[in-house]
Amino acid sequence: MKAAQPQSKFGPRFKAGLTGWLFIAIAVLMICAFYFYPMIQALILSFQTGTGSNLKFNGIDNYARLFTDDMFLTAVKNTFIYLIFQVPLMVVLALFISVLLNNPRLRFKGFFRTAIFLPCITSLVAYSVVFKYLFSSDGLVNALLLKLHLIGAPIEWIADPFWAKVTIIIAITWRWTGYNMIFYLSGLQNIDNSIYEAARIDGASAIRQFFSITIPMLKPIILFTSITSTIGTLQLFDEVVNITKGGPGNATTSISQYIYNLSFKYSADFGYAATVSYSIVIMIIILAFIQFRVAGDRNE
């Protein structure tokens, strides 16, 4: 009789698992190299001070400096003004448009969906430059408003601190409303139509159906889009740089633009720039936590 062959330590399950890890190994290495390593390096850098590459450890002095830095506080104020007005406006507008486009009796739905979604795939720089010219003193927007006799004199959309903020909010809303609309449309199409039919039989109006059925069924998607929109607004950069350049007089400067200025426009203070960058991370964590607590499912 032949002796029983010893079983290998590496069975079929191990080999299958190893094959799977080999498939994702390159992706994992790339993520670690280009995401996690820079994040850790930036965190270390945020505890250092100096110009250029002449850096030295200074503890939490950079973080303490945030509370006395007038330019940082101005950038935070501006960014939160964009956040408070633009995110709710965009979410409500995207939800309203998605409900309209989900109407089975609406014709040319494909055209309207594509037209509203297209802005979010345009170049950030290109559309920002277009908005800058549209909202200039002698631009198309002022010309149209004057033609309709809605204003008596051109509005200084770019040169006035208030209207410059309004221009930034309009630009962001125009670009990202279609992006959020797609999420709401996909959610609406997954709601069983029999639920609406039962509500209509019970005498519920269209408004009652919207607030009692549509909103609760879309609650996870609304929470998701609110958080992603909040993150995007806190990282706002391209529109501010290309439309107003942070002006007039820092009236529209965002946190991300201030980080850029600290790194490349002023004397290169990479340590403090990294600190300001991590302040955005802290804000995102706090706001996301609040949103989950306010709008999340308390049973989970």
C-alpha atoms as a PDB file:
ATOM      1  CA  MET A   1       0.000   0.000   0.000  1.00  0.00           C
ATOM      2  CA  LYS A   2       1.150   3.511  -0.821  1.00  0.00           C
ATOM      3  CA  ALA A   3       1.621   5.872   2.061  1.00  0.00           C
ATOM      4  CA  ALA A   4      -0.994   8.636   2.287  1.00  0.00           C
ATOM      5  CA  GLN A   5       0.195  11.858   0.709  1.00  0.00           C
ATOM      6  CA  PRO A   6       0.526  14.648   3.296  1.00  0.00           C
ATOM      7  CA  GLN A   7      -2.022  17.394   2.749  1.00  0.00           C
ATOM      8  CA  SER A   8      -0.637  20.770   1.727  1.00  0.00           C
ATOM      9  CA  LYS A   9      -1.002  23.670   4.129  1.00  0.00           C
ATOM     10  CA  PHE A  10      -2.216  25.742   1.230  1.00  0.00           C
ATOM     11  CA  GLY A  11      -5.607  24.380   0.307  1.00  0.00           C
ATOM     12  CA  PRO A  12      -7.949  25.514  -2.463  1.00  0.00           C
ATOM     13  CA  ARG A  13      -9.498  28.212  -0.307  1.00  0.00           C
ATOM     14  CA  PHE A  14      -6.106  29.735   0.472  1.00  0.00           C
ATOM     15  CA  LYS A  15      -5.120  29.676  -3.190  1.00  0.00           C
ATOM     16  CA  ALA A  16      -8.414  31.285  -4.196  1.00  0.00           C
ATOM     17  CA  GLY A  17      -7.925  33.978  -1.572  1.00  0.00           C
ATOM     18  CA  LEU A  18      -4.345  34.563  -2.686  1.00  0.00           C
ATOM     19  CA  THR A  19      -5.509  34.963  -6.272  1.00  0.00           C
ATOM     20  CA  GLY A  20      -8.028  37.581  -5.171  1.00  0.00           C
ATOM     21  CA  TRP A  21      -5.393  39.507  -3.230  1.00  0.00           C
ATOM     22  CA  LEU A  22      -3.062  39.421  -6.237  1.00  0.00           C
ATOM     23  CA  PHE A  23      -5.793  40.990  -8.383  1.00  0.00           C
ATOM     24  CA  ILE A  24      -6.271  43.928  -5.996  1.00  0.00           C
ATOM     25  CA  ALA A  25      -2.639  44.222  -4.823  1.00  0.00           C
ATOM     26  CA  ILE A  26      -1.697  46.901  -7.356  1.00  0.00           C
ATOM     27  CA  ALA A  27      -4.812  48.957  -6.580  1.00  0.00           C
ATOM     28  CA  VAL A  28      -4.155  48.690  -2.811  1.00  0.00           C
ATOM     29  CA  LEU A  29      -0.523  49.758  -3.258  1.00  0.00           C
ATOM     30  CA  MET A  30      -1.571  52.711  -5.428  1.00  0.00           C
ATOM     31  CA  ILE A  31      -4.200  53.828  -2.880  1.00  0.00           C
ATOM     32  CA  CYS A  32      -1.683  53.564  -0.034  1.00  0.00           C
ATOM     33  CA  ALA A  33       0.987  55.424  -2.014  1.00  0.00           C
ATOM     34  CA  PHE A  34      -1.190  58.232  -3.366  1.00  0.00           C
ATOM     35  CA  TYR A  35      -3.858  58.579  -0.645  1.00  0.00           C
ATOM     36  CA  PHE A  36      -2.865  57.314   2.785  1.00  0.00           C
ATOM     37  CA  TYR A  37       0.852  58.174   2.661  1.00  0.00           C
ATOM     38  CA  PRO A  38       0.217  61.838   1.669  1.00  0.00           C
ATOM     39  CA  MET A  39      -2.496  62.080   4.337  1.00  0.00           C
ATOM     40  CA  ILE A  40      -0.092  60.867   7.042  1.00  0.00           C
ATOM     41  CA  GLN A  41       2.680  63.124   5.750  1.00  0.00           C
ATOM     42  CA  ALA A  42       0.313  66.113   5.742  1.00  0.00           C
ATOM     43  CA  LEU A  43      -0.697  65.333   9.335  1.00  0.00           C
ATOM     44  CA  ILE A  44       2.965  65.248  10.388  1.00  0.00           C
ATOM     45  CA  LEU A  45       3.603  68.431   8.409  1.00  0.00           C
ATOM     46  CA  SER A  46       0.775  70.220  10.224  1.00  0.00           C
ATOM     47  CA  PHE A  47       2.863  70.085  13.431  1.00  0.00           C
ATOM     48  CA  GLN A  48       5.845  71.777  11.786  1.00  0.00           C
ATOM     49  CA  THR A  49       6.713  75.360  10.930  1.00  0.00           C
ATOM     50  CA  GLY A  50       9.131  77.136   8.648  1.00  0.00           C
ATOM     51  CA  THR A  51       9.430  78.316   5.057  1.00  0.00           C
ATOM     52  CA  GLY A  52      10.073  76.026   2.118  1.00  0.00           C
ATOM     53  CA  SER A  53      11.874  72.869   3.230  1.00  0.00           C
ATOM     54  CA  ASN A  54      13.372  74.448   6.376  1.00  0.00           C
ATOM     55  CA  LEU A  55      10.841  72.967   8.767  1.00  0.00           C
ATOM     56  CA  LYS A  56      10.967  72.243  12.474  1.00  0.00           C
ATOM     57  CA  PHE A  57       8.512  70.713  14.939  1.00  0.00           C
ATOM     58  CA  ASN A  58       6.400  73.258  16.845  1.00  0.00           C
ATOM     59  CA  GLY A  59       3.729  71.145  18.538  1.00  0.00           C
ATOM     60  CA  ILE A  60       0.181  72.458  18.327  1.00  0.00           C
ATOM     61  CA  ASP A  61       1.182  76.090  17.722  1.00  0.00           C
ATOM     62  CA  ASN A  62      -0.174  75.936  14.150  1.00  0.00           C
ATOM     63  CA  TYR A  63      -3.562  74.763  15.408  1.00  0.00           C
ATOM     64  CA  ALA A  64      -3.618  77.505  18.069  1.00  0.00           C
ATOM     65  CA  ARG A  65      -2.768  80.039  15.343  1.00  0.00           C
ATOM     66  CA  LEU A  66      -5.989  79.189  13.503  1.00  0.00           C
ATOM     67  CA  PHE A  67      -8.091  80.933  16.145  1.00  0.00           C
ATOM     68  CA  THR A  68      -6.148  84.214  15.834  1.00  0.00           C
ATOM     69  CA  ASP A  69      -5.664  84.213  12.050  1.00  0.00           C
ATOM     70  CA  ASP A  70      -8.066  86.817  10.668  1.00  0.00           C
ATOM     71  CA  MET A  71      -7.595  85.648   7.077  1.00  0.00           C
ATOM     72  CA  PHE A  72      -8.422  82.052   8.026  1.00  0.00           C
ATOM     73  CA  LEU A  73     -11.506  83.151   9.979  1.00  0.00           C
ATOM     74  CA  THR A  74     -12.640  85.237   6.978  1.00  0.00           C
ATOM     75  CA  ALA A  75     -12.192  82.242   4.664  1.00  0.00           C
ATOM     76  CA  VAL A  76     -14.158  80.023   7.060  1.00  0.00           C
ATOM     77  CA  LYS A  77     -16.969  82.614   7.252  1.00  0.00           C
ATOM     78  CA  ASN A  78     -17.148  82.879   3.460  1.00  0.00           C
ATOM     79  CA  THR A  79     -17.120  79.108   3.007  1.00  0.00           C
ATOM     80  CA  PHE A  80     -19.897  78.600   5.540  1.00  0.00           C
ATOM     81  CA  ILE A  81     -22.000  81.285   3.841  1.00  0.00           C
ATOM     82  CA  TYR A  82     -21.709  79.256   0.623  1.00  0.00           C
ATOM     83  CA  LEU A  83     -22.513  76.081   2.555  1.00  0.00           C
ATOM     84  CA  ILE A  84     -25.566  77.407   4.401  1.00  0.00           C
ATOM     85  CA  PHE A  85     -27.228  78.864   1.328  1.00  0.00           C
ATOM     86  CA  GLN A  86     -26.015  76.701  -1.539  1.00  0.00           C
ATOM     87  CA  VAL A  87     -26.343  73.138  -0.201  1.00  0.00           C
ATOM     88  CA  PRO A  88     -30.030  73.354   0.888  1.00  0.00           C
ATOM     89  CA  LEU A  89     -30.894  75.252  -2.309  1.00  0.00           C
ATOM     90  CA  MET A  90     -29.195  72.654  -4.486  1.00  0.00           C
ATOM     91  CA  VAL A  91     -30.701  69.668  -2.662  1.00  0.00           C
ATOM     92  CA  VAL A  92     -34.244  71.108  -2.829  1.00  0.00           C
ATOM     93  CA  LEU A  93     -33.860  72.117  -6.480  1.00  0.00           C
ATOM     94  CA  ALA A  94     -32.425  68.727  -7.469  1.00  0.00           C
ATOM     95  CA  LEU A  95     -35.247  66.943  -5.642  1.00  0.00           C
ATOM     96  CA  PHE A  96     -37.899  69.120  -7.287  1.00  0.00           C
ATOM     97  CA  ILE A  97     -36.459  68.602 -10.781  1.00  0.00           C
ATOM     98  CA  SER A  98     -36.117  64.845 -10.281  1.00  0.00           C
ATOM     99  CA  VAL A  99     -39.788  64.568  -9.276  1.00  0.00           C
ATOM    100  CA  LEU A 100     -40.811  66.503 -12.397  1.00  0.00           C
ATOM    101  CA  LEU A 101     -38.624  64.347 -14.650  1.00  0.00           C
ATOM    102  CA  ASN A 102     -39.945  61.151 -13.074  1.00  0.00           C
ATOM    103  CA  ASN A 103     -43.459  61.923 -14.329  1.00  0.00           C
ATOM    104  CA  PRO A 104     -44.368  59.094 -16.753  1.00  0.00           C
ATOM    105  CA  ARG A 105     -46.491  61.502 -18.830  1.00  0.00           C
ATOM    106  CA  LEU A 106     -43.590  63.876 -19.466  1.00  0.00           C
ATOM    107  CA  ARG A 107     -42.258  63.812 -23.034  1.00  0.00           C
ATOM    108  CA  PHE A 108     -38.561  64.140 -24.002  1.00  0.00           C
ATOM    109  CA  LYS A 109     -37.472  63.044 -20.527  1.00  0.00           C
ATOM    110  CA  GLY A 110     -34.164  61.769 -21.867  1.00  0.00           C
ATOM    111  CA  PHE A 111     -33.341  65.154 -23.383  1.00  0.00           C
ATOM    112  CA  PHE A 112     -34.176  67.079 -20.205  1.00  0.00           C
ATOM    113  CA  ARG A 113     -32.235  64.663 -17.977  1.00  0.00           C
ATOM    114  CA  THR A 114     -29.173  64.914 -20.214  1.00  0.00           C
ATOM    115  CA  ALA A 115     -29.390  68.704 -20.471  1.00  0.00           C
ATOM    116  CA  ILE A 116     -29.603  69.152 -16.692  1.00  0.00           C
ATOM    117  CA  PHE A 117     -26.840  66.612 -16.005  1.00  0.00           C
ATOM    118  CA  LEU A 118     -24.375  68.001 -18.593  1.00  0.00           C
ATOM    119  CA  PRO A 119     -23.105  70.947 -16.465  1.00  0.00           C
ATOM    120  CA  CYS A 120     -21.486  68.613 -13.934  1.00  0.00           C
ATOM    121  CA  ILE A 121     -19.215  67.078 -16.583  1.00  0.00           C
ATOM    122  CA  THR A 122     -17.981  70.399 -17.952  1.00  0.00           C
ATOM    123  CA  SER A 123     -14.489  71.619 -17.135  1.00  0.00           C
ATOM    124  CA  LEU A 124     -14.370  73.503 -13.833  1.00  0.00           C
ATOM    125  CA  VAL A 125     -12.062  76.164 -15.223  1.00  0.00           C
ATOM    126  CA  ALA A 126     -13.971  76.530 -18.509  1.00  0.00           C
ATOM    127  CA  TYR A 127     -17.397  76.985 -16.938  1.00  0.00           C
ATOM    128  CA  SER A 128     -15.979  79.340 -14.286  1.00  0.00           C
ATOM    129  CA  VAL A 129     -14.500  81.578 -16.978  1.00  0.00           C
ATOM    130  CA  VAL A 130     -17.826  81.534 -18.853  1.00  0.00           C
ATOM    131  CA  PHE A 131     -19.657  82.577 -15.681  1.00  0.00           C
ATOM    132  CA  LYS A 132     -17.128  85.348 -15.111  1.00  0.00           C
ATOM    133  CA  TYR A 133     -17.963  86.855 -18.498  1.00  0.00           C
ATOM    134  CA  LEU A 134     -21.708  86.239 -18.170  1.00  0.00           C
ATOM    135  CA  PHE A 135     -21.811  88.106 -14.850  1.00  0.00           C
ATOM    136  CA  SER A 136     -19.422  90.929 -15.746  1.00  0.00           C
ATOM    137  CA  SER A 137     -20.712  94.522 -15.679  1.00  0.00           C
ATOM    138  CA  ASP A 138     -21.395  94.465 -19.414  1.00  0.00           C
ATOM    139  CA  GLY A 139     -22.173  90.750 -19.541  1.00  0.00           C
ATOM    140  CA  LEU A 140     -25.202  88.899 -20.815  1.00  0.00           C
ATOM    141  CA  VAL A 141     -26.936  88.673 -17.416  1.00  0.00           C
ATOM    142  CA  ASN A 142     -26.950  92.443 -16.863  1.00  0.00           C
ATOM    143  CA  ALA A 143     -27.935  93.048 -20.489  1.00  0.00           C
ATOM    144  CA  LEU A 144     -30.911  90.695 -20.115  1.00  0.00           C
ATOM    145  CA  LEU A 145     -32.028  92.199 -16.800  1.00  0.00           C
ATOM    146  CA  LEU A 146     -31.783  95.709 -18.242  1.00  0.00           C
ATOM    147  CA  LYS A 147     -33.706  94.647 -21.338  1.00  0.00           C
ATOM    148  CA  LEU A 148     -36.513  93.275 -19.141  1.00  0.00           C
ATOM    149  CA  HIS A 149     -36.447  96.475 -17.029  1.00  0.00           C
ATOM    150  CA  LEU A 150     -35.827  94.450 -13.865  1.00  0.00           C
ATOM    151  CA  ILE A 151     -32.892  96.673 -12.896  1.00  0.00           C
ATOM    152  CA  GLY A 152     -32.114 100.314 -13.586  1.00  0.00           C
ATOM    153  CA  ALA A 153     -28.316 100.026 -13.627  1.00  0.00           C
ATOM    154  CA  PRO A 154     -25.874  97.119 -14.144  1.00  0.00           C
ATOM    155  CA  ILE A 155     -25.228  95.023 -11.055  1.00  0.00           C
ATOM    156  CA  GLU A 156     -21.559  94.667 -10.096  1.00  0.00           C
ATOM    157  CA  TRP A 157     -21.732  90.884  -9.802  1.00  0.00           C
ATOM    158  CA  ILE A 158     -17.972  90.455  -9.506  1.00  0.00           C
ATOM    159  CA  ALA A 159     -16.889  93.744  -7.871  1.00  0.00           C
ATOM    160  CA  ASP A 160     -19.485  93.942  -5.078  1.00  0.00           C
ATOM    161  CA  PRO A 161     -18.834  91.690  -2.011  1.00  0.00           C
ATOM    162  CA  PHE A 162     -22.475  90.641  -1.647  1.00  0.00           C
ATOM    163  CA  TRP A 163     -23.176  89.989  -5.312  1.00  0.00           C
ATOM    164  CA  ALA A 164     -19.834  88.224  -5.740  1.00  0.00           C
ATOM    165  CA  LYS A 165     -20.942  85.649  -3.170  1.00  0.00           C
ATOM    166  CA  VAL A 166     -24.295  85.345  -4.929  1.00  0.00           C
ATOM    167  CA  THR A 167     -22.479  84.707  -8.222  1.00  0.00           C
ATOM    168  CA  ILE A 168     -20.398  81.924  -6.664  1.00  0.00           C
ATOM    169  CA  ILE A 169     -23.534  80.315  -5.189  1.00  0.00           C
ATOM    170  CA  ILE A 170     -25.338  80.492  -8.552  1.00  0.00           C
ATOM    171  CA  ALA A 171     -22.342  78.958 -10.320  1.00  0.00           C
ATOM    172  CA  ILE A 172     -21.994  76.026  -7.911  1.00  0.00           C
ATOM    173  CA  THR A 173     -25.735  75.378  -7.941  1.00  0.00           C
ATOM    174  CA  TRP A 174     -25.821  75.383 -11.758  1.00  0.00           C
ATOM    175  CA  ARG A 175     -22.983  72.886 -11.970  1.00  0.00           C
ATOM    176  CA  TRP A 176     -23.923  70.353  -9.287  1.00  0.00           C
ATOM    177  CA  THR A 177     -27.741  70.290  -9.245  1.00  0.00           C
ATOM    178  CA  GLY A 178     -27.845  67.783 -12.118  1.00  0.00           C
ATOM    179  CA  TYR A 179     -25.370  65.520 -10.331  1.00  0.00           C
ATOM    180  CA  ASN A 180     -27.628  65.231  -7.283  1.00  0.00           C
ATOM    181  CA  MET A 181     -30.708  64.943  -9.497  1.00  0.00           C
ATOM    182  CA  ILE A 182     -29.398  61.625 -10.896  1.00  0.00           C
ATOM    183  CA  PHE A 183     -29.293  60.104  -7.400  1.00  0.00           C
ATOM    184  CA  TYR A 184     -32.840  61.218  -6.645  1.00  0.00           C
ATOM    185  CA  LEU A 185     -34.106  59.949  -9.998  1.00  0.00           C
ATOM    186  CA  SER A 186     -32.630  56.505  -9.376  1.00  0.00           C
ATOM    187  CA  GLY A 187     -34.226  56.463  -5.933  1.00  0.00           C
ATOM    188  CA  LEU A 188     -37.632  57.551  -7.270  1.00  0.00           C
ATOM    189  CA  GLN A 189     -37.600  54.805  -9.885  1.00  0.00           C
ATOM    190  CA  ASN A 190     -37.061  52.213  -7.140  1.00  0.00           C
ATOM    191  CA  ILE A 191     -40.188  53.282  -5.227  1.00  0.00           C
ATOM    192  CA  ASP A 192     -43.027  50.880  -5.961  1.00  0.00           C
ATOM    193  CA  ASN A 193     -45.802  52.714  -7.814  1.00  0.00           C
ATOM    194  CA  SER A 194     -48.403  50.702  -5.901  1.00  0.00           C
ATOM    195  CA  ILE A 195     -47.576  52.758  -2.801  1.00  0.00           C
ATOM    196  CA  TYR A 196     -48.638  55.946  -4.605  1.00  0.00           C
ATOM    197  CA  GLU A 197     -51.738  54.206  -5.978  1.00  0.00           C
ATOM    198  CA  ALA A 198     -52.783  53.154  -2.472  1.00  0.00           C
ATOM    199  CA  ALA A 199     -52.230  56.716  -1.242  1.00  0.00           C
ATOM    200  CA  ARG A 200     -54.372  58.131  -4.054  1.00  0.00           C
ATOM    201  CA  ILE A 201     -57.166  55.669  -3.250  1.00  0.00           C
ATOM    202  CA  ASP A 202     -57.008  56.890   0.359  1.00  0.00           C
ATOM    203  CA  GLY A 203     -57.448  60.442  -0.910  1.00  0.00           C
ATOM    204  CA  ALA A 204     -53.887  61.721  -0.420  1.00  0.00           C
ATOM    205  CA  SER A 205     -53.052  64.771  -2.527  1.00  0.00           C
ATOM    206  CA  ALA A 206     -49.882  65.042  -4.600  1.00  0.00           C
ATOM    207  CA  ILE A 207     -48.297  67.278  -1.952  1.00  0.00           C
ATOM    208  CA  ARG A 208     -49.213  64.843   0.819  1.00  0.00           C
ATOM    209  CA  GLN A 209     -47.745  61.967  -1.210  1.00  0.00           C
ATOM    210  CA  PHE A 210     -44.531  63.932  -1.710  1.00  0.00           C
ATOM    211  CA  PHE A 211     -44.003  64.648   1.991  1.00  0.00           C
ATOM    212  CA  SER A 212     -45.374  61.342   3.344  1.00  0.00           C
ATOM    213  CA  ILE A 213     -43.983  58.900   0.763  1.00  0.00           C
ATOM    214  CA  THR A 214     -41.327  60.431  -1.489  1.00  0.00           C
ATOM    215  CA  ILE A 215     -39.283  62.257   1.154  1.00  0.00           C
ATOM    216  CA  PRO A 216     -39.188  59.362   3.677  1.00  0.00           C
ATOM    217  CA  MET A 217     -38.320  56.828   0.945  1.00  0.00           C
ATOM    218  CA  LEU A 218     -35.511  59.061  -0.342  1.00  0.00           C
ATOM    219  CA  LYS A 219     -34.182  59.882   3.120  1.00  0.00           C
ATOM    220  CA  PRO A 220     -30.929  57.839   2.814  1.00  0.00           C
ATOM    221  CA  ILE A 221     -30.179  59.394  -0.585  1.00  0.00           C
ATOM    222  CA  ILE A 222     -30.940  62.912   0.693  1.00  0.00           C
ATOM    223  CA  LEU A 223     -28.564  62.287   3.590  1.00  0.00           C
ATOM    224  CA  PHE A 224     -25.868  61.015   1.208  1.00  0.00           C
ATOM    225  CA  THR A 225     -26.156  63.970  -1.185  1.00  0.00           C
ATOM    226  CA  SER A 226     -26.227  66.445   1.710  1.00  0.00           C
ATOM    227  CA  ILE A 227     -22.975  65.045   3.101  1.00  0.00           C
ATOM    228  CA  THR A 228     -21.206  64.879  -0.274  1.00  0.00           C
ATOM    229  CA  SER A 229     -22.390  68.403  -1.135  1.00  0.00           C
ATOM    230  CA  THR A 230     -21.150  69.653   2.235  1.00  0.00           C
ATOM    231  CA  ILE A 231     -17.743  68.087   1.615  1.00  0.00           C
ATOM    232  CA  GLY A 232     -17.579  69.571  -1.883  1.00  0.00           C
ATOM    233  CA  THR A 233     -18.506  73.065  -0.687  1.00  0.00           C
ATOM    234  CA  LEU A 234     -15.936  73.022   2.122  1.00  0.00           C
ATOM    235  CA  GLN A 235     -13.323  72.162  -0.530  1.00  0.00           C
ATOM    236  CA  LEU A 236     -14.498  74.913  -2.907  1.00  0.00           C
ATOM    237  CA  PHE A 237     -11.607  76.256  -4.971  1.00  0.00           C
ATOM    238  CA  ASP A 238     -11.956  76.494  -8.771  1.00  0.00           C
ATOM    239  CA  GLU A 239     -14.990  78.768  -8.923  1.00  0.00           C
ATOM    240  CA  VAL A 240     -13.584  81.258  -6.423  1.00  0.00           C
ATOM    241  CA  VAL A 241     -10.162  81.410  -8.073  1.00  0.00           C
ATOM    242  CA  ASN A 242     -11.423  81.715 -11.633  1.00  0.00           C
ATOM    243  CA  ILE A 243     -14.502  83.931 -11.159  1.00  0.00           C
ATOM    244  CA  THR A 244     -13.575  86.392  -8.419  1.00  0.00           C
ATOM    245  CA  LYS A 245      -9.952  85.504  -7.497  1.00  0.00           C
ATOM    246  CA  GLY A 246     -11.114  85.670  -3.882  1.00  0.00           C
ATOM    247  CA  GLY A 247     -12.104  89.311  -4.192  1.00  0.00           C
ATOM    248  CA  PRO A 248     -13.198  91.902  -3.863  1.00  0.00           C
ATOM    249  CA  GLY A 249     -10.972  92.355  -0.815  1.00  0.00           C
ATOM    250  CA  ASN A 250     -11.073  88.664   0.258  1.00  0.00           C
ATOM    251  CA  ALA A 251     -14.887  88.805   0.305  1.00  0.00           C
ATOM    252  CA  THR A 252     -15.160  85.466  -1.504  1.00  0.00           C
ATOM    253  CA  THR A 253     -11.930  83.728  -0.446  1.00  0.00           C
ATOM    254  CA  SER A 254     -12.560  80.075   0.453  1.00  0.00           C
ATOM    255  CA  ILE A 255     -10.555  77.849   2.791  1.00  0.00           C
ATOM    256  CA  SER A 256      -9.041  75.891  -0.108  1.00  0.00           C
ATOM    257  CA  GLN A 257      -7.951  79.094  -1.839  1.00  0.00           C
ATOM    258  CA  TYR A 258      -6.303  80.229   1.393  1.00  0.00           C
ATOM    259  CA  ILE A 259      -4.416  76.922   1.534  1.00  0.00           C
ATOM    260  CA  TYR A 260      -3.211  77.536  -2.032  1.00  0.00           C
ATOM    261  CA  ASN A 261      -2.137  81.072  -1.143  1.00  0.00           C
ATOM    262  CA  LEU A 262      -0.200  79.873   1.904  1.00  0.00           C
ATOM    263  CA  SER A 263       1.599  77.271  -0.171  1.00  0.00           C
ATOM    264  CA  PHE A 264       2.299  79.040  -3.458  1.00  0.00           C
ATOM    265  CA  LYS A 265       1.312  82.721  -3.370  1.00  0.00           C
ATOM    266  CA  TYR A 266       2.641  83.962  -0.038  1.00  0.00           C
ATOM    267  CA  SER A 267       5.948  82.859   1.506  1.00  0.00           C
ATOM    268  CA  ALA A 268       5.689  79.063   1.307  1.00  0.00           C
ATOM    269  CA  ASP A 269       4.400  78.005   4.738  1.00  0.00           C
ATOM    270  CA  PHE A 270       3.626  74.367   4.064  1.00  0.00           C
ATOM    271  CA  GLY A 271       3.283  73.452   7.733  1.00  0.00           C
ATOM    272  CA  TYR A 272       0.533  75.968   8.414  1.00  0.00           C
ATOM    273  CA  ALA A 273      -1.099  75.184   5.049  1.00  0.00           C
ATOM    274  CA  ALA A 274      -1.307  71.524   6.122  1.00  0.00           C
ATOM    275  CA  THR A 275      -2.876  72.648   9.403  1.00  0.00           C
ATOM    276  CA  VAL A 276      -5.547  74.622   7.543  1.00  0.00           C
ATOM    277  CA  SER A 277      -6.109  71.543   5.342  1.00  0.00           C
ATOM    278  CA  TYR A 278      -6.746  69.386   8.389  1.00  0.00           C
ATOM    279  CA  SER A 279      -9.145  71.994   9.735  1.00  0.00           C
ATOM    280  CA  ILE A 280     -11.348  71.120   6.736  1.00  0.00           C
ATOM    281  CA  VAL A 281     -11.115  67.438   7.710  1.00  0.00           C
ATOM    282  CA  ILE A 282     -12.231  68.274  11.248  1.00  0.00           C
ATOM    283  CA  MET A 283     -15.146  70.390   9.953  1.00  0.00           C
ATOM    284  CA  ILE A 284     -16.262  67.612   7.603  1.00  0.00           C
ATOM    285  CA  ILE A 285     -16.209  65.040  10.423  1.00  0.00           C
ATOM    286  CA  ILE A 286     -18.217  67.319  12.742  1.00  0.00           C
ATOM    287  CA  LEU A 287     -20.793  68.299  10.099  1.00  0.00           C
ATOM    288  CA  ALA A 288     -21.170  64.716   8.837  1.00  0.00           C
ATOM    289  CA  PHE A 289     -21.730  63.523  12.411  1.00  0.00           C
ATOM    290  CA  ILE A 290     -24.377  66.208  12.972  1.00  0.00           C
ATOM    291  CA  GLN A 291     -26.123  65.305   9.715  1.00  0.00           C
ATOM    292  CA  PHE A 292     -26.157  61.617  10.630  1.00  0.00           C
ATOM    293  CA  ARG A 293     -27.558  62.402  14.064  1.00  0.00           C
ATOM    294  CA  VAL A 294     -30.228  64.759  12.719  1.00  0.00           C
ATOM    295  CA  ALA A 295     -31.281  62.886   9.575  1.00  0.00           C
ATOM    296  CA  GLY A 296     -29.956  59.365  10.096  1.00  0.00           C
ATOM    297  CA  ASP A 297     -32.029  56.344  11.099  1.00  0.00           C
ATOM    298  CA  ARG A 298     -31.990  56.229  14.874  1.00  0.00           C
ATOM    299  CA  ASN A 299     -32.874  52.516  14.794  1.00  0.00           C
ATOM    300  CA  GLU A 300     -29.565  51.644  13.113  1.00  0.00           C
END
